[in-house]
Every structure is written in structure tokens, then in C-alpha cells.
N, C-alpha and C. Protein backbone atom coordinates (compact mmCIF):
# COMPACT_ATOMS: atom_id res chain seq x y z
N MET A 1 -11.94 -5.35 2.58
CA MET A 1 -10.53 -5.66 2.72
C MET A 1 -10.32 -6.74 3.78
N PHE A 2 -10.89 -6.53 4.99
CA PHE A 2 -10.70 -7.48 6.07
C PHE A 2 -11.93 -8.35 6.22
N LYS A 3 -11.68 -9.61 6.51
CA LYS A 3 -12.78 -10.54 6.68
C LYS A 3 -13.22 -10.62 8.14
N ARG A 4 -12.34 -10.20 9.05
CA ARG A 4 -12.66 -10.24 10.48
C ARG A 4 -12.96 -8.83 10.98
N LYS A 5 -13.80 -8.76 12.01
CA LYS A 5 -14.12 -7.45 12.58
C LYS A 5 -12.92 -6.85 13.29
N ASN A 6 -12.19 -7.66 14.03
CA ASN A 6 -11.07 -7.17 14.83
C ASN A 6 -9.74 -7.55 14.21
N ALA A 7 -9.46 -7.00 13.07
CA ALA A 7 -8.21 -7.30 12.37
C ALA A 7 -7.05 -6.65 13.12
N SER A 8 -5.95 -7.35 13.18
CA SER A 8 -4.77 -6.83 13.88
C SER A 8 -3.95 -5.94 12.95
N ALA A 9 -2.97 -5.28 13.55
CA ALA A 9 -2.07 -4.45 12.75
C ALA A 9 -1.30 -5.32 11.76
N THR A 10 -0.98 -6.54 12.16
CA THR A 10 -0.28 -7.45 11.25
C THR A 10 -1.15 -7.77 10.05
N ASP A 11 -2.44 -8.00 10.29
CA ASP A 11 -3.37 -8.25 9.19
C ASP A 11 -3.41 -7.05 8.25
N ALA A 12 -3.41 -5.86 8.83
CA ALA A 12 -3.43 -4.63 8.02
C ALA A 12 -2.17 -4.54 7.18
N LEU A 13 -1.02 -4.86 7.77
CA LEU A 13 0.24 -4.82 7.03
C LEU A 13 0.20 -5.76 5.83
N ILE A 14 -0.32 -6.94 6.05
CA ILE A 14 -0.40 -7.93 4.96
C ILE A 14 -1.28 -7.41 3.84
N GLU A 15 -2.45 -6.87 4.19
CA GLU A 15 -3.37 -6.37 3.17
C GLU A 15 -2.81 -5.16 2.44
N ILE A 16 -2.17 -4.26 3.17
CA ILE A 16 -1.58 -3.07 2.54
C ILE A 16 -0.47 -3.50 1.60
N ARG A 17 0.34 -4.47 2.02
CA ARG A 17 1.43 -4.96 1.18
C ARG A 17 0.87 -5.55 -0.12
N LYS A 18 -0.24 -6.28 -0.02
CA LYS A 18 -0.88 -6.83 -1.22
C LYS A 18 -1.31 -5.71 -2.16
N CYS A 19 -1.87 -4.65 -1.59
CA CYS A 19 -2.30 -3.49 -2.40
C CYS A 19 -1.11 -2.82 -3.07
N ILE A 20 -0.02 -2.68 -2.34
CA ILE A 20 1.18 -2.07 -2.90
C ILE A 20 1.71 -2.92 -4.06
N ASP A 21 1.80 -4.22 -3.84
CA ASP A 21 2.28 -5.12 -4.90
C ASP A 21 1.40 -5.02 -6.14
N HIS A 22 0.08 -5.02 -5.92
CA HIS A 22 -0.84 -4.91 -7.05
C HIS A 22 -0.67 -3.57 -7.77
N SER A 23 -0.46 -2.51 -7.00
CA SER A 23 -0.28 -1.17 -7.60
C SER A 23 0.97 -1.12 -8.46
N TYR A 24 2.03 -1.79 -8.03
CA TYR A 24 3.25 -1.84 -8.84
C TYR A 24 3.00 -2.59 -10.15
N LYS A 25 2.19 -3.65 -10.08
CA LYS A 25 1.85 -4.39 -11.30
C LYS A 25 1.06 -3.50 -12.26
N VAL A 26 0.11 -2.75 -11.71
CA VAL A 26 -0.69 -1.84 -12.55
C VAL A 26 0.23 -0.81 -13.19
N ARG A 27 1.15 -0.23 -12.40
CA ARG A 27 2.07 0.76 -12.94
C ARG A 27 2.94 0.15 -14.05
N SER A 28 3.33 -1.09 -13.88
CA SER A 28 4.11 -1.78 -14.90
C SER A 28 3.32 -1.89 -16.21
N HIS A 29 2.04 -2.21 -16.09
CA HIS A 29 1.20 -2.29 -17.29
C HIS A 29 1.05 -0.92 -17.96
N ILE A 30 0.94 0.11 -17.14
CA ILE A 30 0.84 1.47 -17.69
C ILE A 30 2.12 1.82 -18.44
N GLU A 31 3.27 1.44 -17.87
CA GLU A 31 4.55 1.72 -18.53
C GLU A 31 4.67 0.95 -19.84
N GLU A 32 4.12 -0.27 -19.87
CA GLU A 32 4.11 -1.03 -21.12
C GLU A 32 3.30 -0.30 -22.19
N LEU A 33 2.16 0.25 -21.79
CA LEU A 33 1.35 1.04 -22.74
C LEU A 33 2.14 2.24 -23.24
N ASP A 34 2.85 2.88 -22.34
CA ASP A 34 3.64 4.06 -22.70
C ASP A 34 4.75 3.68 -23.68
N ASP A 35 5.36 2.52 -23.45
CA ASP A 35 6.45 2.06 -24.33
C ASP A 35 5.97 1.79 -25.75
N LYS A 36 4.69 1.44 -25.88
CA LYS A 36 4.15 1.19 -27.22
C LYS A 36 4.01 2.47 -28.01
N GLY A 37 4.00 3.60 -27.30
CA GLY A 37 4.07 4.91 -27.94
C GLY A 37 2.88 5.33 -28.77
N ASN A 38 1.69 5.10 -28.28
CA ASN A 38 0.49 5.55 -28.99
C ASN A 38 0.28 7.03 -28.68
N PRO A 39 0.57 7.92 -29.64
CA PRO A 39 0.47 9.36 -29.37
C PRO A 39 -0.95 9.82 -29.01
N ALA A 40 -1.95 9.12 -29.49
CA ALA A 40 -3.33 9.51 -29.19
C ALA A 40 -3.66 9.31 -27.71
N LEU A 41 -2.94 8.40 -27.07
CA LEU A 41 -3.20 8.11 -25.66
C LEU A 41 -2.14 8.69 -24.73
N SER A 42 -1.20 9.42 -25.27
CA SER A 42 -0.07 9.92 -24.49
C SER A 42 -0.50 10.69 -23.24
N HIS A 43 -1.42 11.63 -23.40
CA HIS A 43 -1.86 12.44 -22.26
C HIS A 43 -2.52 11.56 -21.19
N GLU A 44 -3.39 10.65 -21.61
CA GLU A 44 -4.09 9.78 -20.68
C GLU A 44 -3.11 8.86 -19.95
N ILE A 45 -2.12 8.38 -20.67
CA ILE A 45 -1.12 7.50 -20.06
C ILE A 45 -0.32 8.26 -19.01
N GLN A 46 0.05 9.50 -19.32
CA GLN A 46 0.79 10.32 -18.35
C GLN A 46 -0.05 10.57 -17.10
N GLU A 47 -1.33 10.81 -17.28
CA GLU A 47 -2.24 11.01 -16.14
C GLU A 47 -2.34 9.74 -15.30
N MET A 48 -2.43 8.59 -15.97
CA MET A 48 -2.50 7.32 -15.25
C MET A 48 -1.21 7.08 -14.47
N LYS A 49 -0.07 7.45 -15.05
CA LYS A 49 1.21 7.30 -14.35
C LYS A 49 1.23 8.15 -13.08
N LYS A 50 0.78 9.39 -13.19
CA LYS A 50 0.75 10.29 -12.03
C LYS A 50 -0.15 9.72 -10.93
N LYS A 51 -1.33 9.26 -11.32
CA LYS A 51 -2.27 8.70 -10.35
C LYS A 51 -1.71 7.44 -9.71
N SER A 52 -1.09 6.61 -10.53
CA SER A 52 -0.50 5.38 -10.03
C SER A 52 0.60 5.68 -9.01
N ASN A 53 1.46 6.63 -9.34
CA ASN A 53 2.53 7.01 -8.41
C ASN A 53 1.96 7.58 -7.12
N SER A 54 0.92 8.37 -7.23
CA SER A 54 0.28 8.94 -6.05
C SER A 54 -0.31 7.85 -5.16
N ILE A 55 -0.95 6.88 -5.77
CA ILE A 55 -1.53 5.77 -5.01
C ILE A 55 -0.44 4.97 -4.31
N ILE A 56 0.63 4.67 -5.03
CA ILE A 56 1.73 3.92 -4.44
C ILE A 56 2.35 4.69 -3.28
N ASN A 57 2.56 5.99 -3.44
CA ASN A 57 3.12 6.80 -2.36
C ASN A 57 2.21 6.79 -1.14
N SER A 58 0.92 6.93 -1.36
CA SER A 58 -0.04 6.91 -0.25
C SER A 58 -0.04 5.56 0.46
N LEU A 59 -0.02 4.50 -0.32
CA LEU A 59 0.01 3.16 0.28
C LEU A 59 1.29 2.93 1.07
N ASN A 60 2.41 3.41 0.55
CA ASN A 60 3.67 3.26 1.28
C ASN A 60 3.64 4.03 2.60
N LYS A 61 3.06 5.22 2.60
CA LYS A 61 2.92 5.99 3.85
C LYS A 61 2.01 5.26 4.82
N THR A 62 0.91 4.72 4.31
CA THR A 62 -0.01 3.97 5.15
C THR A 62 0.67 2.74 5.73
N TYR A 63 1.48 2.08 4.92
CA TYR A 63 2.22 0.90 5.36
C TYR A 63 3.17 1.27 6.50
N GLN A 64 3.88 2.39 6.36
CA GLN A 64 4.80 2.83 7.41
C GLN A 64 4.04 3.15 8.70
N LYS A 65 2.88 3.78 8.57
CA LYS A 65 2.06 4.08 9.76
C LYS A 65 1.59 2.79 10.42
N ALA A 66 1.21 1.80 9.62
CA ALA A 66 0.76 0.52 10.17
C ALA A 66 1.90 -0.18 10.91
N ILE A 67 3.12 -0.05 10.40
CA ILE A 67 4.28 -0.62 11.09
C ILE A 67 4.45 0.07 12.45
N GLU A 68 4.31 1.39 12.48
CA GLU A 68 4.42 2.13 13.74
C GLU A 68 3.34 1.68 14.72
N VAL A 69 2.12 1.49 14.24
CA VAL A 69 1.03 1.04 15.10
C VAL A 69 1.33 -0.34 15.64
N GLU A 70 1.84 -1.21 14.80
CA GLU A 70 2.16 -2.57 15.24
C GLU A 70 3.25 -2.54 16.32
N LYS A 71 4.26 -1.70 16.14
CA LYS A 71 5.33 -1.57 17.14
C LYS A 71 4.78 -1.05 18.46
N GLU A 72 3.93 -0.03 18.39
CA GLU A 72 3.32 0.52 19.61
C GLU A 72 2.43 -0.51 20.29
N THR A 73 1.67 -1.25 19.51
CA THR A 73 0.80 -2.28 20.06
C THR A 73 1.63 -3.33 20.79
N GLU A 74 2.72 -3.73 20.18
CA GLU A 74 3.61 -4.72 20.80
C GLU A 74 4.22 -4.17 22.08
N ARG A 75 4.60 -2.90 22.05
CA ARG A 75 5.19 -2.28 23.24
C ARG A 75 4.18 -2.25 24.39
N PHE A 76 2.94 -1.87 24.10
CA PHE A 76 1.91 -1.86 25.13
C PHE A 76 1.59 -3.27 25.62
N ARG A 77 1.62 -4.22 24.72
CA ARG A 77 1.36 -5.61 25.10
C ARG A 77 2.41 -6.07 26.10
N LYS A 78 3.67 -5.74 25.83
CA LYS A 78 4.76 -6.11 26.74
C LYS A 78 4.62 -5.40 28.08
N LEU A 79 4.22 -4.13 28.05
CA LEU A 79 4.02 -3.39 29.30
C LEU A 79 2.90 -4.02 30.13
N ASN A 80 1.82 -4.40 29.48
CA ASN A 80 0.69 -5.02 30.19
C ASN A 80 1.06 -6.38 30.74
N LEU A 81 1.89 -7.14 30.03
CA LEU A 81 2.32 -8.44 30.54
C LEU A 81 3.19 -8.27 31.77
N GLY A 82 3.96 -7.19 31.81
CA GLY A 82 4.83 -6.93 32.96
C GLY A 82 4.05 -6.54 34.20
N LYS A 83 2.82 -6.04 34.05
CA LYS A 83 2.00 -5.62 35.18
C LYS A 83 1.33 -6.79 35.88
N LYS A 84 1.21 -7.91 35.18
CA LYS A 84 0.47 -9.05 35.75
C LYS A 84 1.32 -9.84 36.70
């Protein structure tokens, strides 16, 4: 995911956002399959929808946590600048 060893919280946010966007595209393709109404694949499509939603929810939670980390990092950075 990251090309640098010491990736920042901002870098993490960017990468997570890319994953979320890609996951929405995948879910859109799954919904297109569902709209075509192939009864033989109905169960598999429903399972893919559930997994897709689960992945998106997890990524959104991770994104929110990364935002919190970035805010805390910025707060500590400001505190450390004030000590100098």
C-alpha cells in the first residue's frame, strides 16, 4: 500500500480513500449484475453484496480512525512547537 517506510497519517488517509472509492465501484458492478437478474447467481450476488458492504463499512471506520490520528498528531506537533 505505502511506498515509504514512514508514511504519514495524511498518506494513510489518501490510500484509505482510494480503497473506499474502489470498493464503491466494485459494489456498483455487483449491483449491475444483480439488476440483470440471473437467478442462478442470485445467492452468490447477495453474498458479494454483503461482503462488499462489510468491506466498505470497515474502510470507513478505518478512515475515521486515521482522521483522529491525524488530528492528534497535529495537536502534538503544535504542543512540541510551543515548547521550543
